[in-house]
N, C-alpha and C. Protein backbone atom coordinates (compact mmCIF):
# COMPACT_ATOMS: atom_id res chain seq x y z
N UNK A 1 5.60 33.00 4.42
CA UNK A 1 5.27 31.70 4.97
C UNK A 1 3.76 31.52 4.91
N UNK A 2 3.32 30.54 4.19
CA UNK A 2 1.88 30.32 4.05
C UNK A 2 1.38 29.29 5.05
N UNK A 3 0.18 29.49 5.51
CA UNK A 3 -0.46 28.59 6.47
C UNK A 3 -1.19 27.50 5.68
N UNK A 4 -0.90 26.25 5.97
CA UNK A 4 -1.55 25.15 5.27
C UNK A 4 -2.62 24.55 6.17
N UNK A 5 -3.80 24.33 5.59
CA UNK A 5 -4.91 23.80 6.38
C UNK A 5 -4.73 22.31 6.65
N UNK A 6 -5.27 21.88 7.76
CA UNK A 6 -5.19 20.48 8.15
C UNK A 6 -5.93 19.61 7.14
N UNK A 7 -7.10 20.04 6.72
CA UNK A 7 -7.91 19.26 5.79
C UNK A 7 -7.18 19.04 4.46
N UNK A 8 -6.59 20.10 3.91
CA UNK A 8 -5.89 19.95 2.63
C UNK A 8 -4.63 19.11 2.79
N UNK A 9 -3.94 19.24 3.91
CA UNK A 9 -2.74 18.43 4.13
C UNK A 9 -3.10 16.95 4.20
N UNK A 10 -4.21 16.65 4.85
CA UNK A 10 -4.65 15.25 4.94
C UNK A 10 -5.11 14.73 3.58
N UNK A 11 -5.87 15.52 2.85
CA UNK A 11 -6.34 15.09 1.53
C UNK A 11 -5.20 14.88 0.55
N UNK A 12 -4.17 15.70 0.66
CA UNK A 12 -3.02 15.58 -0.24
C UNK A 12 -1.94 14.65 0.30
N UNK A 13 -2.19 14.04 1.47
CA UNK A 13 -1.25 13.10 2.11
C UNK A 13 0.11 13.75 2.32
N UNK A 14 0.10 14.84 3.06
CA UNK A 14 1.32 15.58 3.36
C UNK A 14 1.77 15.30 4.79
N UNK A 15 2.99 15.65 5.09
CA UNK A 15 3.58 15.46 6.41
C UNK A 15 2.79 16.25 7.46
N UNK A 16 2.50 15.65 8.62
CA UNK A 16 1.75 16.38 9.65
C UNK A 16 2.53 17.54 10.28
N UNK A 17 3.84 17.48 10.20
CA UNK A 17 4.64 18.53 10.84
C UNK A 17 4.75 19.79 9.97
N UNK A 18 5.14 19.63 8.70
CA UNK A 18 5.32 20.81 7.84
C UNK A 18 4.15 21.00 6.86
N UNK A 19 3.38 19.94 6.64
CA UNK A 19 2.25 19.93 5.71
C UNK A 19 2.67 20.26 4.27
N UNK A 20 3.93 19.97 3.95
CA UNK A 20 4.44 20.20 2.60
C UNK A 20 4.98 18.92 1.96
N UNK A 21 5.72 18.15 2.73
CA UNK A 21 6.37 16.94 2.20
C UNK A 21 5.38 15.81 2.00
N UNK A 22 5.58 15.04 0.94
CA UNK A 22 4.73 13.89 0.63
C UNK A 22 5.01 12.75 1.59
N UNK A 23 3.94 12.05 2.01
CA UNK A 23 4.10 10.89 2.87
C UNK A 23 4.48 9.65 2.08
N UNK A 24 4.04 9.58 0.82
CA UNK A 24 4.23 8.38 0.01
C UNK A 24 5.14 8.67 -1.18
N UNK A 25 5.95 7.69 -1.61
CA UNK A 25 6.83 7.92 -2.75
C UNK A 25 6.09 8.00 -4.08
N UNK A 26 4.86 7.50 -4.14
CA UNK A 26 4.06 7.58 -5.36
C UNK A 26 2.74 8.28 -5.04
N UNK A 27 1.94 8.50 -6.04
CA UNK A 27 0.64 9.14 -5.87
C UNK A 27 -0.28 8.27 -5.02
N UNK A 28 -1.23 8.89 -4.32
CA UNK A 28 -2.17 8.11 -3.51
C UNK A 28 -3.09 7.27 -4.37
N UNK A 29 -3.19 7.56 -5.64
CA UNK A 29 -4.05 6.80 -6.55
C UNK A 29 -3.30 5.67 -7.25
N UNK A 30 -2.00 5.56 -7.02
CA UNK A 30 -1.17 4.58 -7.71
C UNK A 30 -1.21 3.22 -7.04
N UNK A 31 -1.15 2.17 -7.84
CA UNK A 31 -1.09 0.81 -7.33
C UNK A 31 0.36 0.38 -7.06
N UNK A 32 1.32 1.17 -7.49
CA UNK A 32 2.73 0.84 -7.28
C UNK A 32 3.13 1.17 -5.84
N UNK A 33 3.92 0.31 -5.24
CA UNK A 33 4.44 0.52 -3.89
C UNK A 33 3.32 0.87 -2.91
N UNK A 34 2.31 0.03 -2.84
CA UNK A 34 1.12 0.31 -2.02
C UNK A 34 1.43 0.49 -0.54
N UNK A 35 2.33 -0.29 -0.01
CA UNK A 35 2.54 -0.26 1.43
C UNK A 35 3.72 0.62 1.85
N UNK A 36 4.40 1.25 0.90
CA UNK A 36 5.58 2.04 1.26
C UNK A 36 5.19 3.45 1.69
N UNK A 37 5.89 3.93 2.70
CA UNK A 37 5.75 5.30 3.19
C UNK A 37 7.15 5.80 3.50
N UNK A 38 7.38 7.08 3.27
CA UNK A 38 8.69 7.64 3.57
C UNK A 38 8.99 7.49 5.07
N UNK A 39 10.20 7.16 5.41
CA UNK A 39 10.60 7.08 6.81
C UNK A 39 10.77 8.47 7.42
N UNK A 40 11.25 9.38 6.61
CA UNK A 40 11.42 10.78 7.03
C UNK A 40 10.81 11.68 5.98
N UNK A 41 10.31 12.82 6.42
CA UNK A 41 9.70 13.79 5.51
C UNK A 41 10.78 14.36 4.59
N UNK A 42 10.53 14.41 3.27
CA UNK A 42 11.53 14.97 2.36
C UNK A 42 11.72 16.48 2.52
N UNK A 43 10.78 17.16 3.15
CA UNK A 43 10.87 18.62 3.31
C UNK A 43 11.49 19.03 4.65
N UNK A 44 10.95 18.52 5.77
CA UNK A 44 11.38 18.98 7.10
C UNK A 44 12.20 17.95 7.85
N UNK A 45 12.40 16.78 7.28
CA UNK A 45 13.21 15.70 7.87
C UNK A 45 12.62 15.15 9.18
N UNK A 46 11.31 15.30 9.36
CA UNK A 46 10.65 14.73 10.55
C UNK A 46 10.52 13.22 10.37
N UNK A 47 10.63 12.49 11.45
CA UNK A 47 10.48 11.03 11.41
C UNK A 47 9.00 10.70 11.31
N UNK A 48 8.59 10.16 10.18
CA UNK A 48 7.18 9.84 9.95
C UNK A 48 6.82 8.49 10.55
N UNK A 49 7.75 7.56 10.48
CA UNK A 49 7.53 6.23 11.04
C UNK A 49 8.28 6.13 12.36
N UNK A 50 7.60 6.38 13.49
CA UNK A 50 8.29 6.41 14.77
C UNK A 50 8.82 5.06 15.24
N UNK A 51 8.19 3.98 14.82
CA UNK A 51 8.66 2.64 15.18
C UNK A 51 8.34 1.70 14.02
N UNK A 52 9.00 0.55 13.94
CA UNK A 52 8.85 -0.32 12.76
C UNK A 52 7.42 -0.74 12.45
N UNK A 53 6.63 -1.08 13.42
CA UNK A 53 5.28 -1.58 13.16
C UNK A 53 4.20 -0.57 13.50
N UNK A 54 4.51 0.70 13.38
CA UNK A 54 3.58 1.75 13.78
C UNK A 54 2.27 1.70 13.00
N UNK A 55 2.33 1.41 11.72
CA UNK A 55 1.15 1.49 10.87
C UNK A 55 0.29 0.23 10.88
N UNK A 56 0.58 -0.74 11.72
CA UNK A 56 -0.29 -1.91 11.82
C UNK A 56 -1.67 -1.53 12.32
N UNK A 57 -1.76 -0.52 13.14
CA UNK A 57 -3.05 -0.05 13.64
C UNK A 57 -3.92 0.54 12.55
N UNK A 58 -3.29 0.97 11.45
CA UNK A 58 -4.05 1.52 10.33
C UNK A 58 -4.90 0.46 9.64
N UNK A 59 -4.61 -0.81 9.90
CA UNK A 59 -5.41 -1.89 9.32
C UNK A 59 -6.85 -1.83 9.80
N UNK A 60 -7.06 -1.38 11.04
CA UNK A 60 -8.42 -1.26 11.55
C UNK A 60 -9.19 -0.17 10.80
N UNK A 61 -8.52 0.91 10.48
CA UNK A 61 -9.18 1.98 9.71
C UNK A 61 -9.46 1.49 8.30
N UNK A 62 -8.52 0.77 7.71
CA UNK A 62 -8.72 0.22 6.37
C UNK A 62 -9.89 -0.78 6.36
N UNK A 63 -9.98 -1.57 7.41
CA UNK A 63 -11.10 -2.51 7.54
C UNK A 63 -12.42 -1.75 7.62
N UNK A 64 -12.45 -0.66 8.39
CA UNK A 64 -13.67 0.15 8.49
C UNK A 64 -14.04 0.76 7.14
N UNK A 65 -13.03 1.18 6.36
CA UNK A 65 -13.30 1.68 5.01
C UNK A 65 -13.93 0.59 4.14
N UNK A 66 -13.40 -0.62 4.22
CA UNK A 66 -13.92 -1.73 3.42
C UNK A 66 -15.35 -2.09 3.81
N UNK A 67 -15.64 -2.09 5.10
CA UNK A 67 -17.00 -2.38 5.56
C UNK A 67 -17.96 -1.29 5.10
N UNK A 68 -17.55 -0.03 5.23
CA UNK A 68 -18.39 1.07 4.78
C UNK A 68 -18.64 1.00 3.27
N UNK A 69 -17.61 0.62 2.52
CA UNK A 69 -17.78 0.47 1.08
C UNK A 69 -18.75 -0.66 0.77
N UNK A 70 -18.63 -1.79 1.46
CA UNK A 70 -19.53 -2.93 1.23
C UNK A 70 -20.97 -2.55 1.54
N UNK A 71 -21.19 -1.86 2.63
CA UNK A 71 -22.55 -1.45 2.99
C UNK A 71 -23.12 -0.48 1.96
N UNK A 72 -22.32 0.50 1.56
CA UNK A 72 -22.81 1.47 0.57
C UNK A 72 -23.09 0.84 -0.79
N UNK A 73 -22.20 -0.03 -1.24
CA UNK A 73 -22.43 -0.71 -2.52
C UNK A 73 -23.68 -1.58 -2.44
N UNK A 74 -23.87 -2.27 -1.33
CA UNK A 74 -25.06 -3.11 -1.16
C UNK A 74 -26.34 -2.28 -1.17
N UNK A 75 -26.33 -1.15 -0.50
CA UNK A 75 -27.50 -0.27 -0.49
C UNK A 75 -27.79 0.27 -1.89
N UNK A 76 -26.75 0.69 -2.59
CA UNK A 76 -26.94 1.22 -3.95
C UNK A 76 -27.46 0.14 -4.89
N UNK A 77 -26.92 -1.08 -4.80
CA UNK A 77 -27.41 -2.17 -5.65
C UNK A 77 -28.86 -2.51 -5.34
N UNK A 78 -29.20 -2.52 -4.06
CA UNK A 78 -30.58 -2.83 -3.68
C UNK A 78 -31.55 -1.76 -4.16
N UNK A 79 -31.08 -0.53 -4.18
CA UNK A 79 -31.94 0.58 -4.60
C UNK A 79 -32.19 0.56 -6.12
N UNK A 80 -31.12 0.32 -6.89
CA UNK A 80 -31.24 0.40 -8.35
C UNK A 80 -31.65 -0.91 -9.02
N UNK A 81 -31.38 -2.05 -8.41
CA UNK A 81 -31.75 -3.33 -9.00
C UNK A 81 -32.80 -4.00 -8.12
N UNK A 82 -33.74 -4.61 -8.73
CA UNK A 82 -34.80 -5.29 -7.99
C UNK A 82 -34.35 -6.70 -7.63
N UNK A 83 -33.97 -6.89 -6.38
CA UNK A 83 -33.54 -8.17 -5.83
C UNK A 83 -32.43 -8.83 -6.67
N UNK A 84 -31.24 -8.21 -6.68
CA UNK A 84 -30.14 -8.82 -7.45
C UNK A 84 -29.65 -10.10 -6.78
N UNK A 85 -29.03 -10.94 -7.57
CA UNK A 85 -28.47 -12.19 -7.06
C UNK A 85 -27.31 -11.90 -6.11
N UNK A 86 -27.02 -12.84 -5.26
CA UNK A 86 -25.94 -12.68 -4.28
C UNK A 86 -24.60 -12.46 -4.97
N UNK A 87 -24.39 -13.15 -6.09
CA UNK A 87 -23.13 -13.00 -6.81
C UNK A 87 -22.95 -11.59 -7.38
N UNK A 88 -24.04 -10.91 -7.66
CA UNK A 88 -23.94 -9.51 -8.11
C UNK A 88 -23.35 -8.66 -6.98
N UNK A 89 -23.82 -8.89 -5.78
CA UNK A 89 -23.26 -8.20 -4.62
C UNK A 89 -21.78 -8.51 -4.45
N UNK A 90 -21.44 -9.79 -4.51
CA UNK A 90 -20.07 -10.23 -4.28
C UNK A 90 -19.12 -9.63 -5.30
N UNK A 91 -19.46 -9.73 -6.58
CA UNK A 91 -18.58 -9.23 -7.64
C UNK A 91 -18.49 -7.71 -7.63
N UNK A 92 -19.57 -7.04 -7.33
CA UNK A 92 -19.55 -5.57 -7.29
C UNK A 92 -18.71 -5.06 -6.11
N UNK A 93 -18.88 -5.68 -4.95
CA UNK A 93 -18.09 -5.28 -3.78
C UNK A 93 -16.61 -5.60 -4.02
N UNK A 94 -16.32 -6.75 -4.61
CA UNK A 94 -14.94 -7.12 -4.91
C UNK A 94 -14.31 -6.13 -5.89
N UNK A 95 -15.04 -5.79 -6.95
CA UNK A 95 -14.52 -4.83 -7.94
C UNK A 95 -14.31 -3.45 -7.31
N UNK A 96 -15.25 -3.00 -6.49
CA UNK A 96 -15.11 -1.70 -5.84
C UNK A 96 -13.92 -1.69 -4.88
N UNK A 97 -13.72 -2.78 -4.15
CA UNK A 97 -12.57 -2.87 -3.24
C UNK A 97 -11.25 -2.85 -4.00
N UNK A 98 -11.18 -3.56 -5.10
CA UNK A 98 -9.95 -3.57 -5.91
C UNK A 98 -9.69 -2.20 -6.52
N UNK A 99 -10.74 -1.54 -6.95
CA UNK A 99 -10.60 -0.22 -7.57
C UNK A 99 -10.15 0.83 -6.55
N UNK A 100 -10.68 0.78 -5.36
CA UNK A 100 -10.40 1.80 -4.34
C UNK A 100 -9.32 1.39 -3.34
N UNK A 101 -8.68 0.25 -3.56
CA UNK A 101 -7.68 -0.25 -2.63
C UNK A 101 -6.55 0.75 -2.35
N UNK A 102 -5.94 1.39 -3.36
CA UNK A 102 -4.86 2.34 -3.03
C UNK A 102 -5.34 3.49 -2.14
N UNK A 103 -6.51 4.01 -2.42
CA UNK A 103 -7.04 5.11 -1.60
C UNK A 103 -7.31 4.66 -0.17
N UNK A 104 -7.94 3.52 -0.02
CA UNK A 104 -8.28 3.05 1.33
C UNK A 104 -7.03 2.74 2.15
N UNK A 105 -6.04 2.08 1.54
CA UNK A 105 -4.82 1.73 2.27
C UNK A 105 -4.02 2.97 2.66
N UNK A 106 -3.89 3.88 1.73
CA UNK A 106 -3.06 5.06 2.01
C UNK A 106 -3.76 6.04 2.94
N UNK A 107 -5.06 6.26 2.74
CA UNK A 107 -5.74 7.20 3.63
C UNK A 107 -5.95 6.62 5.03
N UNK A 108 -5.95 5.30 5.15
CA UNK A 108 -5.99 4.75 6.51
C UNK A 108 -4.69 5.07 7.24
N UNK A 109 -3.57 5.03 6.52
CA UNK A 109 -2.29 5.40 7.13
C UNK A 109 -2.23 6.89 7.45
N UNK A 110 -2.77 7.71 6.56
CA UNK A 110 -2.80 9.16 6.80
C UNK A 110 -3.63 9.47 8.04
N UNK A 111 -4.81 8.88 8.13
CA UNK A 111 -5.66 9.12 9.30
C UNK A 111 -5.02 8.62 10.59
N UNK A 112 -4.38 7.48 10.52
CA UNK A 112 -3.72 6.91 11.70
C UNK A 112 -2.56 7.80 12.14
N UNK A 113 -1.77 8.27 11.18
CA UNK A 113 -0.63 9.12 11.50
C UNK A 113 -1.09 10.46 12.08
N UNK A 114 -2.09 11.07 11.48
CA UNK A 114 -2.58 12.34 12.00
C UNK A 114 -3.30 12.17 13.33
N UNK A 115 -3.96 11.05 13.53
CA UNK A 115 -4.70 10.83 14.77
C UNK A 115 -3.84 10.39 15.93
N UNK A 116 -2.91 9.47 15.69
CA UNK A 116 -2.12 8.89 16.77
C UNK A 116 -0.64 9.21 16.73
N UNK A 117 -0.21 9.85 15.65
CA UNK A 117 1.20 10.23 15.58
C UNK A 117 1.50 11.38 16.51
N UNK A 118 2.72 11.50 16.90
CA UNK A 118 3.12 12.54 17.85
C UNK A 118 3.56 13.83 17.17
N UNK A 119 3.50 13.90 15.84
CA UNK A 119 3.93 15.10 15.13
C UNK A 119 2.85 16.18 15.18
N UNK A 120 3.26 17.38 15.51
CA UNK A 120 2.34 18.52 15.51
C UNK A 120 2.79 19.52 14.46
N UNK A 121 1.86 20.30 14.00
CA UNK A 121 2.15 21.25 12.93
C UNK A 121 3.09 22.36 13.41
N UNK A 122 4.12 22.59 12.62
CA UNK A 122 5.07 23.66 12.87
C UNK A 122 5.30 24.38 11.54
N UNK A 123 4.72 25.58 11.36
CA UNK A 123 4.87 26.27 10.07
C UNK A 123 6.31 26.62 9.73
N UNK A 124 7.19 26.67 10.72
CA UNK A 124 8.59 27.01 10.47
C UNK A 124 9.47 25.77 10.38
N UNK A 125 8.89 24.61 10.23
CA UNK A 125 9.66 23.37 10.24
C UNK A 125 10.62 23.26 9.07
N UNK A 126 10.25 23.77 7.90
CA UNK A 126 11.13 23.67 6.75
C UNK A 126 12.24 24.72 6.76
N UNK A 127 12.12 25.72 7.60
CA UNK A 127 13.15 26.76 7.68
C UNK A 127 14.31 26.35 8.55
N UNK A 128 14.13 25.34 9.39
CA UNK A 128 15.17 24.94 10.35
C UNK A 128 16.27 24.16 9.70
């Protein structure tokens, strides 16, 4: 029985209980099925979605990711370009948001589930 680290389980979007089963039916980098998450873990059968609207709170984390991305893109543009036009900011932030949308949406759900979900790590969860 191997011990799985919390950091790697979160980065790989694994179940908080067994840290083996995937939370999403597709890759975290995929644009397909962006909002879908497994209802139960495919490995340990833990209920990942405790109530129908549980992940609505993850929108706040996703919003924070978008704001952080906008600030960072703006700082980088200001540093490398000498007084760029406003539309350069707008188009660059829009393109960066579209490019990173799957990561931001899915990792906001991962952070919300690990932070506020009631599942705790059980290394023997898949043996039961």
